[in-house]
Amino acid sequence: LPERERSELKRRKLLLEVTLKSFWIRKGSAFSTAVARPETELTPEMIATGSWRRLPFKPYNFSSLGLPPACGHLHPLLKVRSELRQIFLEMG
């Protein structure tokens, strides 16, 4: 349609413009139908057979903090020592 007619039809809400997008999907160089999970641990068997050289390993994250301890308690002797120290401090 010419631009003039198209703008007139849009103004009267008789025309709706739709944009269609399409993509081409191709197989890349690393395409595989099998899911390969990287190894997370190095075992003595891997070292003995030498299979660790050809296996992919998961990279280490040295900046992660890890999980905080679930619980923790003072040793009973440490509790007694801190109580005695507090008593002596109060006595002067």
PDB file of N, CA and C in Angstrom:
ATOM      1  N   LEU A   1       0.832  -1.185   0.000  1.00  0.00           N
ATOM      2  CA  LEU A   1       0.000   0.000   0.000  1.00  0.00           C
ATOM      3  C   LEU A   1       0.877   1.249   0.000  1.00  0.00           C
ATOM      4  N   PRO A   2       0.405   2.282  -0.645  1.00  0.00           N
ATOM      5  CA  PRO A   2       1.136   3.557  -0.556  1.00  0.00           C
ATOM      6  C   PRO A   2       1.075   4.089   0.877  1.00  0.00           C
ATOM      7  N   GLU A   3       2.028   4.912   1.212  1.00  0.00           N
ATOM      8  CA  GLU A   3       2.142   5.432   2.582  1.00  0.00           C
ATOM      9  C   GLU A   3       0.902   6.223   2.993  1.00  0.00           C
ATOM     10  N   ARG A   4       0.338   6.973   2.094  1.00  0.00           N
ATOM     11  CA  ARG A   4      -0.831   7.811   2.413  1.00  0.00           C
ATOM     12  C   ARG A   4      -2.031   6.942   2.788  1.00  0.00           C
ATOM     13  N   GLU A   5      -2.300   5.903   1.985  1.00  0.00           N
ATOM     14  CA  GLU A   5      -3.432   5.014   2.278  1.00  0.00           C
ATOM     15  C   GLU A   5      -3.187   4.235   3.574  1.00  0.00           C
ATOM     16  N   ARG A   6      -1.959   3.809   3.765  1.00  0.00           N
ATOM     17  CA  ARG A   6      -1.637   3.052   4.972  1.00  0.00           C
ATOM     18  C   ARG A   6      -1.839   3.898   6.219  1.00  0.00           C
ATOM     19  N   SER A   7      -1.407   5.148   6.208  1.00  0.00           N
ATOM     20  CA  SER A   7      -1.603   6.013   7.372  1.00  0.00           C
ATOM     21  C   SER A   7      -3.087   6.288   7.608  1.00  0.00           C
ATOM     22  N   GLU A   8      -3.860   6.405   6.528  1.00  0.00           N
ATOM     23  CA  GLU A   8      -5.308   6.632   6.670  1.00  0.00           C
ATOM     24  C   GLU A   8      -5.992   5.411   7.294  1.00  0.00           C
ATOM     25  N   LEU A   9      -5.606   4.233   6.866  1.00  0.00           N
ATOM     26  CA  LEU A   9      -6.191   3.015   7.416  1.00  0.00           C
ATOM     27  C   LEU A   9      -5.770   2.819   8.877  1.00  0.00           C
ATOM     28  N   LYS A  10      -4.552   3.196   9.205  1.00  0.00           N
ATOM     29  CA  LYS A  10      -4.108   3.105  10.605  1.00  0.00           C
ATOM     30  C   LYS A  10      -4.898   4.052  11.483  1.00  0.00           C
ATOM     31  N   ARG A  11      -5.115   5.248  10.993  1.00  0.00           N
ATOM     32  CA  ARG A  11      -5.850   6.253  11.767  1.00  0.00           C
ATOM     33  C   ARG A  11      -7.276   5.780  12.031  1.00  0.00           C
ATOM     34  N   ARG A  12      -7.877   5.091  11.091  1.00  0.00           N
ATOM     35  CA  ARG A  12      -9.243   4.591  11.259  1.00  0.00           C
ATOM     36  C   ARG A  12      -9.260   3.228  11.947  1.00  0.00           C
ATOM     37  N   LYS A  13      -8.067   2.739  12.334  1.00  0.00           N
ATOM     38  CA  LYS A  13      -7.910   1.464  13.034  1.00  0.00           C
ATOM     39  C   LYS A  13      -8.457   0.292  12.221  1.00  0.00           C
ATOM     40  N   LEU A  14      -8.214   0.368  10.917  1.00  0.00           N
ATOM     41  CA  LEU A  14      -8.590  -0.717  10.030  1.00  0.00           C
ATOM     42  C   LEU A  14      -7.374  -1.526   9.586  1.00  0.00           C
ATOM     43  N   LEU A  15      -6.198  -1.059   9.983  1.00  0.00           N
ATOM     44  CA  LEU A  15      -4.970  -1.740   9.593  1.00  0.00           C
ATOM     45  C   LEU A  15      -4.121  -1.977  10.837  1.00  0.00           C
ATOM     46  N   LEU A  16      -3.586  -3.161  10.931  1.00  0.00           N
ATOM     47  CA  LEU A  16      -2.716  -3.511  12.044  1.00  0.00           C
ATOM     48  C   LEU A  16      -1.414  -4.030  11.455  1.00  0.00           C
ATOM     49  N   GLU A  17      -0.319  -3.370  11.775  1.00  0.00           N
ATOM     50  CA  GLU A  17       0.981  -3.797  11.283  1.00  0.00           C
ATOM     51  C   GLU A  17       1.605  -4.751  12.287  1.00  0.00           C
ATOM     52  N   VAL A  18       2.119  -5.858  11.774  1.00  0.00           N
ATOM     53  CA  VAL A  18       2.735  -6.878  12.598  1.00  0.00           C
ATOM     54  C   VAL A  18       4.148  -7.122  12.063  1.00  0.00           C
ATOM     55  N   THR A  19       5.113  -7.130  12.968  1.00  0.00           N
ATOM     56  CA  THR A  19       6.489  -7.401  12.587  1.00  0.00           C
ATOM     57  C   THR A  19       6.805  -8.853  12.923  1.00  0.00           C
ATOM     58  N   LEU A  20       7.267  -9.589  11.936  1.00  0.00           N
ATOM     59  CA  LEU A  20       7.630 -10.986  12.138  1.00  0.00           C
ATOM     60  C   LEU A  20       9.144 -11.098  12.138  1.00  0.00           C
ATOM     61  N   LYS A  21       9.675 -11.838  13.117  1.00  0.00           N
ATOM     62  CA  LYS A  21      11.100 -12.086  13.199  1.00  0.00           C
ATOM     63  C   LYS A  21      11.333 -13.571  13.022  1.00  0.00           C
ATOM     64  N   SER A  22      12.382 -13.905  12.311  1.00  0.00           N
ATOM     65  CA  SER A  22      12.715 -15.310  12.132  1.00  0.00           C
ATOM     66  C   SER A  22      14.202 -15.484  12.377  1.00  0.00           C
ATOM     67  N   PHE A  23      14.563 -16.692  12.789  1.00  0.00           N
ATOM     68  CA  PHE A  23      15.939 -17.024  13.102  1.00  0.00           C
ATOM     69  C   PHE A  23      16.317 -18.308  12.399  1.00  0.00           C
ATOM     70  N   TRP A  24      17.568 -18.402  12.001  1.00  0.00           N
ATOM     71  CA  TRP A  24      18.111 -19.622  11.440  1.00  0.00           C
ATOM     72  C   TRP A  24      18.932 -20.289  12.524  1.00  0.00           C
ATOM     73  N   ILE A  25      18.638 -21.532  12.782  1.00  0.00           N
ATOM     74  CA  ILE A  25      19.358 -22.284  13.807  1.00  0.00           C
ATOM     75  C   ILE A  25      20.156 -23.378  13.104  1.00  0.00           C
ATOM     76  N   ARG A  26      21.465 -23.369  13.381  1.00  0.00           N
ATOM     77  CA  ARG A  26      22.338 -24.367  12.780  1.00  0.00           C
ATOM     78  C   ARG A  26      23.124 -25.067  13.872  1.00  0.00           C
ATOM     79  N   LYS A  27      23.601 -26.242  13.559  1.00  0.00           N
ATOM     80  CA  LYS A  27      24.421 -26.987  14.504  1.00  0.00           C
ATOM     81  C   LYS A  27      25.807 -26.344  14.555  1.00  0.00           C
ATOM     82  N   GLY A  28      26.289 -26.087  15.779  1.00  0.00           N
ATOM     83  CA  GLY A  28      27.603 -25.506  15.954  1.00  0.00           C
ATOM     84  C   GLY A  28      28.689 -26.564  15.996  1.00  0.00           C
ATOM     85  N   SER A  29      29.913 -26.118  16.201  1.00  0.00           N
ATOM     86  CA  SER A  29      31.041 -27.050  16.211  1.00  0.00           C
ATOM     87  C   SER A  29      31.017 -27.955  17.434  1.00  0.00           C
ATOM     88  N   ALA A  30      30.404 -27.518  18.534  1.00  0.00           N
ATOM     89  CA  ALA A  30      30.360 -28.315  19.760  1.00  0.00           C
ATOM     90  C   ALA A  30      29.029 -29.045  19.918  1.00  0.00           C
ATOM     91  N   PHE A  31      28.271 -29.233  18.834  1.00  0.00           N
ATOM     92  CA  PHE A  31      26.967 -29.878  18.905  1.00  0.00           C
ATOM     93  C   PHE A  31      27.127 -31.351  19.240  1.00  0.00           C
ATOM     94  N   SER A  32      26.288 -31.828  20.149  1.00  0.00           N
ATOM     95  CA  SER A  32      26.290 -33.235  20.519  1.00  0.00           C
ATOM     96  C   SER A  32      24.902 -33.607  21.008  1.00  0.00           C
ATOM     97  N   THR A  33      24.487 -34.818  20.704  1.00  0.00           N
ATOM     98  CA  THR A  33      23.177 -35.268  21.172  1.00  0.00           C
ATOM     99  C   THR A  33      23.247 -35.832  22.577  1.00  0.00           C
ATOM    100  N   ALA A  34      24.437 -36.177  23.030  1.00  0.00           N
ATOM    101  CA  ALA A  34      24.606 -36.717  24.378  1.00  0.00           C
ATOM    102  C   ALA A  34      25.010 -35.591  25.327  1.00  0.00           C
ATOM    103  N   VAL A  35      24.492 -35.650  26.537  1.00  0.00           N
ATOM    104  CA  VAL A  35      24.822 -34.661  27.547  1.00  0.00           C
ATOM    105  C   VAL A  35      26.067 -35.134  28.293  1.00  0.00           C
ATOM    106  N   ALA A  36      27.132 -34.353  28.210  1.00  0.00           N
ATOM    107  CA  ALA A  36      28.392 -34.723  28.869  1.00  0.00           C
ATOM    108  C   ALA A  36      28.508 -33.920  30.163  1.00  0.00           C
ATOM    109  N   ARG A  37      28.534 -34.619  31.277  1.00  0.00           N
ATOM    110  CA  ARG A  37      28.679 -33.952  32.564  1.00  0.00           C
ATOM    111  C   ARG A  37      30.147 -33.961  32.941  1.00  0.00           C
ATOM    112  N   PRO A  38      30.703 -32.796  33.297  1.00  0.00           N
ATOM    113  CA  PRO A  38      32.121 -32.765  33.675  1.00  0.00           C
ATOM    114  C   PRO A  38      32.350 -33.464  35.008  1.00  0.00           C
ATOM    115  N   GLU A  39      33.526 -34.022  35.153  1.00  0.00           N
ATOM    116  CA  GLU A  39      33.896 -34.702  36.396  1.00  0.00           C
ATOM    117  C   GLU A  39      34.110 -33.667  37.495  1.00  0.00           C
ATOM    118  N   THR A  40      33.783 -34.040  38.719  1.00  0.00           N
ATOM    119  CA  THR A  40      33.960 -33.125  39.841  1.00  0.00           C
ATOM    120  C   THR A  40      35.043 -33.583  40.804  1.00  0.00           C
ATOM    121  N   GLU A  41      35.394 -34.860  40.755  1.00  0.00           N
ATOM    122  CA  GLU A  41      36.390 -35.391  41.685  1.00  0.00           C
ATOM    123  C   GLU A  41      37.434 -36.194  40.931  1.00  0.00           C
ATOM    124  N   LEU A  42      38.665 -36.111  41.414  1.00  0.00           N
ATOM    125  CA  LEU A  42      39.760 -36.900  40.878  1.00  0.00           C
ATOM    126  C   LEU A  42      39.964 -38.100  41.797  1.00  0.00           C
ATOM    127  N   THR A  43      39.776 -39.286  41.255  1.00  0.00           N
ATOM    128  CA  THR A  43      39.859 -40.506  42.066  1.00  0.00           C
ATOM    129  C   THR A  43      41.200 -41.202  41.849  1.00  0.00           C
ATOM    130  N   PRO A  44      41.603 -42.064  42.774  1.00  0.00           N
ATOM    131  CA  PRO A  44      42.850 -42.818  42.577  1.00  0.00           C
ATOM    132  C   PRO A  44      42.825 -43.710  41.339  1.00  0.00           C
ATOM    133  N   GLU A  45      41.643 -44.205  40.972  1.00  0.00           N
ATOM    134  CA  GLU A  45      41.537 -45.036  39.776  1.00  0.00           C
ATOM    135  C   GLU A  45      41.831 -44.227  38.526  1.00  0.00           C
ATOM    136  N   MET A  46      41.380 -42.978  38.493  1.00  0.00           N
ATOM    137  CA  MET A  46      41.652 -42.116  37.345  1.00  0.00           C
ATOM    138  C   MET A  46      43.143 -41.853  37.210  1.00  0.00           C
ATOM    139  N   ILE A  47      43.802 -41.653  38.335  1.00  0.00           N
ATOM    140  CA  ILE A  47      45.243 -41.398  38.312  1.00  0.00           C
ATOM    141  C   ILE A  47      45.986 -42.651  37.863  1.00  0.00           C
ATOM    142  N   ALA A  48      45.571 -43.818  38.350  1.00  0.00           N
ATOM    143  CA  ALA A  48      46.251 -45.076  38.015  1.00  0.00           C
ATOM    144  C   ALA A  48      46.108 -45.407  36.528  1.00  0.00           C
ATOM    145  N   THR A  49      44.923 -45.196  35.974  1.00  0.00           N
ATOM    146  CA  THR A  49      44.700 -45.544  34.572  1.00  0.00           C
ATOM    147  C   THR A  49      45.092 -44.419  33.620  1.00  0.00           C
ATOM    148  N   GLY A  50      45.225 -43.204  34.117  1.00  0.00           N
ATOM    149  CA  GLY A  50      45.554 -42.063  33.262  1.00  0.00           C
ATOM    150  C   GLY A  50      44.362 -41.499  32.520  1.00  0.00           C
ATOM    151  N   SER A  51      43.157 -41.910  32.897  1.00  0.00           N
ATOM    152  CA  SER A  51      41.954 -41.443  32.206  1.00  0.00           C
ATOM    153  C   SER A  51      41.623 -39.985  32.529  1.00  0.00           C
ATOM    154  N   TRP A  52      42.229 -39.430  33.567  1.00  0.00           N
ATOM    155  CA  TRP A  52      41.939 -38.045  33.954  1.00  0.00           C
ATOM    156  C   TRP A  52      42.433 -37.072  32.885  1.00  0.00           C
ATOM    157  N   ARG A  53      43.360 -37.483  32.034  1.00  0.00           N
ATOM    158  CA  ARG A  53      43.916 -36.581  31.017  1.00  0.00           C
ATOM    159  C   ARG A  53      42.893 -36.243  29.937  1.00  0.00           C
ATOM    160  N   ARG A  54      41.992 -37.164  29.625  1.00  0.00           N
ATOM    161  CA  ARG A  54      41.046 -36.928  28.534  1.00  0.00           C
ATOM    162  C   ARG A  54      39.646 -36.556  29.030  1.00  0.00           C
ATOM    163  N   LEU A  55      39.430 -36.506  30.348  1.00  0.00           N
ATOM    164  CA  LEU A  55      38.117 -36.169  30.891  1.00  0.00           C
ATOM    165  C   LEU A  55      38.003 -34.667  31.157  1.00  0.00           C
ATOM    166  N   PRO A  56      36.828 -34.090  30.869  1.00  0.00           N
ATOM    167  CA  PRO A  56      36.626 -32.673  31.228  1.00  0.00           C
ATOM    168  C   PRO A  56      36.281 -32.571  32.717  1.00  0.00           C
ATOM    169  N   PHE A  57      36.886 -31.599  33.390  1.00  0.00           N
ATOM    170  CA  PHE A  57      36.634 -31.383  34.811  1.00  0.00           C
ATOM    171  C   PHE A  57      35.900 -30.074  35.021  1.00  0.00           C
ATOM    172  N   LYS A  58      35.056 -30.058  36.014  1.00  0.00           N
ATOM    173  CA  LYS A  58      34.332 -28.843  36.384  1.00  0.00           C
ATOM    174  C   LYS A  58      35.334 -27.861  36.999  1.00  0.00           C
ATOM    175  N   PRO A  59      35.300 -26.576  36.583  1.00  0.00           N
ATOM    176  CA  PRO A  59      36.272 -25.624  37.142  1.00  0.00           C
ATOM    177  C   PRO A  59      35.977 -25.329  38.606  1.00  0.00           C
ATOM    178  N   TYR A  60      37.034 -25.065  39.355  1.00  0.00           N
ATOM    179  CA  TYR A  60      36.888 -24.741  40.770  1.00  0.00           C
ATOM    180  C   TYR A  60      36.535 -23.274  40.946  1.00  0.00           C
ATOM    181  N   ASN A  61      35.733 -22.988  41.950  1.00  0.00           N
ATOM    182  CA  ASN A  61      35.386 -21.610  42.291  1.00  0.00           C
ATOM    183  C   ASN A  61      36.030 -21.307  43.638  1.00  0.00           C
ATOM    184  N   PHE A  62      37.196 -20.684  43.600  1.00  0.00           N
ATOM    185  CA  PHE A  62      37.928 -20.413  44.830  1.00  0.00           C
ATOM    186  C   PHE A  62      37.372 -19.211  45.597  1.00  0.00           C
ATOM    187  N   SER A  63      36.513 -18.420  44.974  1.00  0.00           N
ATOM    188  CA  SER A  63      35.978 -17.245  45.666  1.00  0.00           C
ATOM    189  C   SER A  63      34.667 -17.533  46.399  1.00  0.00           C
ATOM    190  N   SER A  64      34.130 -18.744  46.280  1.00  0.00           N
ATOM    191  CA  SER A  64      32.886 -19.051  46.985  1.00  0.00           C
ATOM    192  C   SER A  64      33.169 -19.257  48.475  1.00  0.00           C
ATOM    193  N   LEU A  65      32.221 -18.875  49.292  1.00  0.00           N
ATOM    194  CA  LEU A  65      32.388 -18.942  50.739  1.00  0.00           C
ATOM    195  C   LEU A  65      31.974 -20.287  51.322  1.00  0.00           C
ATOM    196  N   GLY A  66      31.147 -21.026  50.631  1.00  0.00           N
ATOM    197  CA  GLY A  66      30.684 -22.298  51.157  1.00  0.00           C
ATOM    198  C   GLY A  66      29.510 -22.102  52.103  1.00  0.00           C
ATOM    199  N   LEU A  67      29.024 -23.201  52.621  1.00  0.00           N
ATOM    200  CA  LEU A  67      27.879 -23.159  53.529  1.00  0.00           C
ATOM    201  C   LEU A  67      28.347 -22.833  54.945  1.00  0.00           C
ATOM    202  N   PRO A  68      27.602 -22.004  55.662  1.00  0.00           N
ATOM    203  CA  PRO A  68      27.961 -21.763  57.060  1.00  0.00           C
ATOM    204  C   PRO A  68      27.681 -23.015  57.887  1.00  0.00           C
ATOM    205  N   PRO A  69      28.403 -23.207  58.985  1.00  0.00           N
ATOM    206  CA  PRO A  69      28.146 -24.390  59.807  1.00  0.00           C
ATOM    207  C   PRO A  69      26.715 -24.384  60.338  1.00  0.00           C
ATOM    208  N   ALA A  70      26.110 -25.551  60.353  1.00  0.00           N
ATOM    209  CA  ALA A  70      24.708 -25.658  60.772  1.00  0.00           C
ATOM    210  C   ALA A  70      24.557 -25.350  62.261  1.00  0.00           C
ATOM    211  N   CYS A  71      25.506 -25.774  63.071  1.00  0.00           N
ATOM    212  CA  CYS A  71      25.414 -25.508  64.498  1.00  0.00           C
ATOM    213  C   CYS A  71      26.815 -25.559  65.081  1.00  0.00           C
ATOM    214  N   GLY A  72      26.949 -25.118  66.279  1.00  0.00           N
ATOM    215  CA  GLY A  72      28.234 -25.166  66.961  1.00  0.00           C
ATOM    216  C   GLY A  72      28.038 -24.798  68.416  1.00  0.00           C
ATOM    217  N   HIS A  73      28.838 -25.396  69.287  1.00  0.00           N
ATOM    218  CA  HIS A  73      28.715 -25.151  70.718  1.00  0.00           C
ATOM    219  C   HIS A  73      30.104 -24.979  71.312  1.00  0.00           C
ATOM    220  N   LEU A  74      30.166 -24.249  72.386  1.00  0.00           N
ATOM    221  CA  LEU A  74      31.420 -24.117  73.120  1.00  0.00           C
ATOM    222  C   LEU A  74      31.687 -25.395  73.908  1.00  0.00           C
ATOM    223  N   HIS A  75      32.950 -25.684  74.049  1.00  0.00           N
ATOM    224  CA  HIS A  75      33.341 -26.836  74.857  1.00  0.00           C
ATOM    225  C   HIS A  75      32.987 -26.534  76.313  1.00  0.00           C
ATOM    226  N   PRO A  76      32.533 -27.510  77.091  1.00  0.00           N
ATOM    227  CA  PRO A  76      32.145 -27.255  78.480  1.00  0.00           C
ATOM    228  C   PRO A  76      33.253 -26.623  79.314  1.00  0.00           C
ATOM    229  N   LEU A  77      34.502 -27.015  79.092  1.00  0.00           N
ATOM    230  CA  LEU A  77      35.596 -26.413  79.854  1.00  0.00           C
ATOM    231  C   LEU A  77      35.803 -24.945  79.488  1.00  0.00           C
ATOM    232  N   LEU A  78      35.561 -24.613  78.245  1.00  0.00           N
ATOM    233  CA  LEU A  78      35.664 -23.199  77.849  1.00  0.00           C
ATOM    234  C   LEU A  78      34.564 -22.372  78.509  1.00  0.00           C
ATOM    235  N   LYS A  79      33.379 -22.966  78.651  1.00  0.00           N
ATOM    236  CA  LYS A  79      32.293 -22.264  79.333  1.00  0.00           C
ATOM    237  C   LYS A  79      32.663 -21.989  80.790  1.00  0.00           C
ATOM    238  N   VAL A  80      33.209 -23.001  81.471  1.00  0.00           N
ATOM    239  CA  VAL A  80      33.597 -22.837  82.879  1.00  0.00           C
ATOM    240  C   VAL A  80      34.688 -21.784  82.990  1.00  0.00           C
ATOM    241  N   ARG A  81      35.671 -21.828  82.093  1.00  0.00           N
ATOM    242  CA  ARG A  81      36.764 -20.862  82.141  1.00  0.00           C
ATOM    243  C   ARG A  81      36.256 -19.438  81.940  1.00  0.00           C
ATOM    244  N   SER A  82      35.321 -19.240  80.989  1.00  0.00           N
ATOM    245  CA  SER A  82      34.802 -17.887  80.769  1.00  0.00           C
ATOM    246  C   SER A  82      33.955 -17.424  81.957  1.00  0.00           C
ATOM    247  N   GLU A  83      33.220 -18.349  82.603  1.00  0.00           N
ATOM    248  CA  GLU A  83      32.452 -17.973  83.786  1.00  0.00           C
ATOM    249  C   GLU A  83      33.375 -17.583  84.940  1.00  0.00           C
ATOM    250  N   LEU A  84      34.446 -18.371  85.161  1.00  0.00           N
ATOM    251  CA  LEU A  84      35.399 -18.033  86.216  1.00  0.00           C
ATOM    252  C   LEU A  84      36.078 -16.697  85.929  1.00  0.00           C
ATOM    253  N   ARG A  85      36.437 -16.468  84.705  1.00  0.00           N
ATOM    254  CA  ARG A  85      37.055 -15.198  84.357  1.00  0.00           C
ATOM    255  C   ARG A  85      36.129 -14.041  84.634  1.00  0.00           C
ATOM    256  N   GLN A  86      34.839 -14.207  84.292  1.00  0.00           N
ATOM    257  CA  GLN A  86      33.868 -13.137  84.545  1.00  0.00           C
ATOM    258  C   GLN A  86      33.707 -12.906  86.050  1.00  0.00           C
ATOM    259  N   ILE A  87      33.700 -13.966  86.849  1.00  0.00           N
ATOM    260  CA  ILE A  87      33.586 -13.831  88.308  1.00  0.00           C
ATOM    261  C   ILE A  87      34.779 -13.058  88.865  1.00  0.00           C
ATOM    262  N   PHE A  88      35.996 -13.434  88.443  1.00  0.00           N
ATOM    263  CA  PHE A  88      37.195 -12.742  88.934  1.00  0.00           C
ATOM    264  C   PHE A  88      37.250 -11.289  88.480  1.00  0.00           C
ATOM    265  N   LEU A  89      36.756 -11.008  87.254  1.00  0.00           N
ATOM    266  CA  LEU A  89      36.727  -9.622  86.787  1.00  0.00           C
ATOM    267  C   LEU A  89      35.763  -8.785  87.626  1.00  0.00           C
ATOM    268  N   GLU A  90      34.622  -9.365  88.006  1.00  0.00           N
ATOM    269  CA  GLU A  90      33.656  -8.660  88.831  1.00  0.00           C
ATOM    270  C   GLU A  90      34.197  -8.417  90.242  1.00  0.00           C
ATOM    271  N   MET A  91      35.029  -9.364  90.716  1.00  0.00           N
ATOM    272  CA  MET A  91      35.620  -9.192  92.047  1.00  0.00           C
ATOM    273  C   MET A  91      36.755  -8.148  92.035  1.00  0.00           C
ATOM    274  N   GLY A  92      37.290  -7.912  90.884  1.00  0.00           N
ATOM    275  CA  GLY A  92      38.356  -6.915  90.784  1.00  0.00           C
ATOM    276  C   GLY A  92      39.678  -7.577  90.747  1.00  0.00           C
TER     277      GLY A  92
END
